[in-house]
C-alpha atoms as a PDB file:
ATOM      1  CA  MET A   1      69.123  76.132 -27.987  1.00  0.00           C
ATOM      2  CA  ASN A   2      69.772  79.647 -26.692  1.00  0.00           C
ATOM      3  CA  GLY A   3      72.778  81.806 -27.532  1.00  0.00           C
ATOM      4  CA  LEU A   4      74.828  80.797 -24.504  1.00  0.00           C
ATOM      5  CA  LYS A   5      74.281  77.085 -25.195  1.00  0.00           C
ATOM      6  CA  LEU A   6      75.387  77.652 -28.787  1.00  0.00           C
ATOM      7  CA  LEU A   7      78.460  79.548 -27.603  1.00  0.00           C
ATOM      8  CA  GLU A   8      79.270  76.795 -25.107  1.00  0.00           C
ATOM      9  CA  HIS A   9      78.953  74.199 -27.889  1.00  0.00           C
ATOM     10  CA  ILE A  10      81.268  76.228 -30.153  1.00  0.00           C
ATOM     11  CA  ARG A  11      83.902  76.602 -27.420  1.00  0.00           C
ATOM     12  CA  ASN A  12      83.700  72.911 -26.460  1.00  0.00           C
ATOM     13  CA  ARG A  13      84.614  72.061 -30.060  1.00  0.00           C
ATOM     14  CA  GLY A  14      87.770  74.147 -29.612  1.00  0.00           C
ATOM     15  CA  ASP A  15      86.681  76.858 -32.028  1.00  0.00           C
ATOM     16  CA  GLN A  16      87.972  80.296 -31.038  1.00  0.00           C
ATOM     17  CA  THR A  17      85.746  82.293 -33.399  1.00  0.00           C
ATOM     18  CA  PRO A  18      85.290  85.847 -32.056  1.00  0.00           C
ATOM     19  CA  VAL A  19      81.770  86.329 -30.667  1.00  0.00           C
ATOM     20  CA  LEU A  20      79.912  89.540 -29.881  1.00  0.00           C
ATOM     21  CA  VAL A  21      76.804  89.092 -27.706  1.00  0.00           C
ATOM     22  CA  ILE A  22      73.862  91.480 -28.087  1.00  0.00           C
ATOM     23  CA  SER A  23      71.359  90.749 -25.320  1.00  0.00           C
ATOM     24  CA  ALA A  24      68.088  92.188 -24.034  1.00  0.00           C
ATOM     25  CA  THR A  25      68.526  90.875 -20.493  1.00  0.00           C
ATOM     26  CA  GLU A  26      70.598  92.362 -17.704  1.00  0.00           C
ATOM     27  CA  ASN A  27      71.487  89.481 -15.439  1.00  0.00           C
ATOM     28  CA  GLY A  28      74.202  87.020 -14.467  1.00  0.00           C
ATOM     29  CA  ARG A  29      74.368  85.548 -17.948  1.00  0.00           C
ATOM     30  CA  TYR A  30      77.027  88.151 -18.787  1.00  0.00           C
ATOM     31  CA  ALA A  31      79.520  86.476 -16.477  1.00  0.00           C
ATOM     32  CA  LYS A  32      78.978  83.138 -18.197  1.00  0.00           C
ATOM     33  CA  ALA A  33      79.322  84.726 -21.639  1.00  0.00           C
ATOM     34  CA  LEU A  34      82.541  86.441 -20.598  1.00  0.00           C
ATOM     35  CA  ARG A  35      83.916  83.192 -19.148  1.00  0.00           C
ATOM     36  CA  LEU A  36      83.235  81.568 -22.509  1.00  0.00           C
ATOM     37  CA  GLY A  37      85.457  84.181 -24.136  1.00  0.00           C
ATOM     38  CA  VAL A  38      83.126  86.568 -25.943  1.00  0.00           C
ATOM     39  CA  GLU A  39      84.641  89.801 -27.218  1.00  0.00           C
ATOM     40  CA  ASP A  40      81.984  92.027 -25.665  1.00  0.00           C
ATOM     41  CA  VAL A  41      78.369  92.103 -24.464  1.00  0.00           C
ATOM     42  CA  LEU A  42      76.080  94.895 -25.674  1.00  0.00           C
ATOM     43  CA  LEU A  43      72.539  95.594 -24.457  1.00  0.00           C
ATOM     44  CA  LYS A  44      69.526  95.904 -26.736  1.00  0.00           C
ATOM     45  CA  PRO A  45      68.480  98.287 -28.072  1.00  0.00           C
ATOM     46  CA  VAL A  46      71.933  99.203 -29.322  1.00  0.00           C
ATOM     47  CA  LYS A  47      71.994 102.981 -29.343  1.00  0.00           C
ATOM     48  CA  ASP A  48      75.725 103.556 -29.683  1.00  0.00           C
ATOM     49  CA  LEU A  49      76.271 102.468 -33.281  1.00  0.00           C
ATOM     50  CA  ASN A  50      79.895 103.615 -33.229  1.00  0.00           C
ATOM     51  CA  ARG A  51      80.664 101.197 -30.395  1.00  0.00           C
ATOM     52  CA  LEU A  52      78.837  98.410 -32.229  1.00  0.00           C
ATOM     53  CA  ARG A  53      80.846  99.117 -35.372  1.00  0.00           C
ATOM     54  CA  GLU A  54      84.111  99.133 -33.397  1.00  0.00           C
ATOM     55  CA  MET A  55      83.240  95.824 -31.740  1.00  0.00           C
ATOM     56  CA  VAL A  56      82.361  94.201 -35.080  1.00  0.00           C
ATOM     57  CA  PHE A  57      85.641  95.425 -36.589  1.00  0.00           C
ATOM     58  CA  ALA A  58      87.529  94.186 -33.517  1.00  0.00           C
ATOM     59  CA  CYS A  59      86.025  90.729 -34.084  1.00  0.00           C
ATOM     60  CA  LEU A  60      86.678  90.706 -37.831  1.00  0.00           C
ATOM     61  CA  TYR A  61      90.117  92.320 -37.834  1.00  0.00           C
ATOM     62  CA  PRO A  62      91.745  91.802 -34.411  1.00  0.00           C
ATOM     63  CA  SER A  63      95.219  92.716 -35.670  1.00  0.00           C
ATOM     64  CA  MET A  64      94.023  96.240 -36.552  1.00  0.00           C
ATOM     65  CA  PHE A  65      93.406  96.995 -32.899  1.00  0.00           C
ATOM     66  CA  ASN A  66      96.910  96.641 -31.491  1.00  0.00           C
ATOM     67  CA  SER A  67      97.994  98.954 -28.755  1.00  0.00           C
ATOM     68  CA  ARG A  68      99.575 102.299 -29.614  1.00  0.00           C
ATOM     69  CA  VAL A  69     102.876 101.110 -28.106  1.00  0.00           C
ATOM     70  CA  GLU A  70     102.950  98.037 -30.377  1.00  0.00           C
ATOM     71  CA  GLU A  71     102.160 100.241 -33.369  1.00  0.00           C
ATOM     72  CA  GLU A  72     104.981 102.666 -32.565  1.00  0.00           C
ATOM     73  CA  GLU A  73     107.420  99.809 -31.939  1.00  0.00           C
ATOM     74  CA  GLY A  74     106.510  98.386 -35.345  1.00  0.00           C
ATOM     75  CA  PHE A  75     107.156 101.723 -37.048  1.00  0.00           C
ATOM     76  CA  PHE A  76     110.465 102.052 -35.194  1.00  0.00           C
ATOM     77  CA  ALA A  77     111.577  98.532 -36.157  1.00  0.00           C
ATOM     78  CA  THR A  78     110.632  99.117 -39.799  1.00  0.00           C
ATOM     79  CA  GLY A  79     112.498 102.429 -39.823  1.00  0.00           C
ATOM     80  CA  MET A  80     115.587 100.889 -38.254  1.00  0.00           C
ATOM     81  CA  GLN A  81     115.559  98.038 -40.774  1.00  0.00           C
ATOM     82  CA  TRP A  82     115.332 100.559 -43.603  1.00  0.00           C
ATOM     83  CA  LEU A  83     118.263 102.557 -42.175  1.00  0.00           C
ATOM     84  CA  ILE A  84     120.363  99.411 -41.786  1.00  0.00           C
ATOM     85  CA  THR A  85     119.833  98.356 -45.404  1.00  0.00           C
ATOM     86  CA  LEU A  86     120.262 101.881 -46.831  1.00  0.00           C
ATOM     87  CA  PRO A  87     124.085 101.739 -47.158  1.00  0.00           C
ATOM     88  CA  ARG A  88     123.828  98.402 -48.996  1.00  0.00           C
ATOM     89  CA  ARG A  89     121.246  99.799 -51.388  1.00  0.00           C
ATOM     90  CA  ASN A  90     123.448 102.780 -52.197  1.00  0.00           C
ATOM     91  CA  TYR A  91     126.469 100.505 -52.658  1.00  0.00           C
ATOM     92  CA  TYR A  92     124.648  98.335 -55.194  1.00  0.00           C
ATOM     93  CA  ARG A  93     123.199 101.353 -56.955  1.00  0.00           C
ATOM     94  CA  ASN A  94     126.675 102.886 -57.340  1.00  0.00           C
ATOM     95  CA  TYR A  95     128.163  99.500 -58.270  1.00  0.00           C
ATOM     96  CA  ASN A  96     125.587  99.004 -61.030  1.00  0.00           C
ATOM     97  CA  ARG A  97     126.174 102.511 -62.375  1.00  0.00           C
ATOM     98  CA  ARG A  98     129.892 101.831 -62.755  1.00  0.00           C
ATOM     99  CA  PHE A  99     129.367  98.705 -64.816  1.00  0.00           C
ATOM    100  CA  SER A 100     126.327  99.696 -66.839  1.00  0.00           C
ATOM    101  CA  ARG A 101     128.111 102.392 -68.839  1.00  0.00           C
END
């Protein structure tokens, strides 16, 4: 069984495990691999180790590689939530001070 047959078998089972293909051949097999939902296809010998590392991390930790816009929206939402709850926090802090004396 070659790598594409294995990948096809995995996908037919419904498993969506991230897959990174490292291949020595430059032919039409890429299209089939991409149709089967691989994360990326790299050619051997892998010379760009930074790209390889990034691709491995993207497979292992997909949530780390959100877009910059999503990241900024998340920071904004967190900041707004903090600002909304700030008056309540101060109220309870002052309330507790009055009754803890």
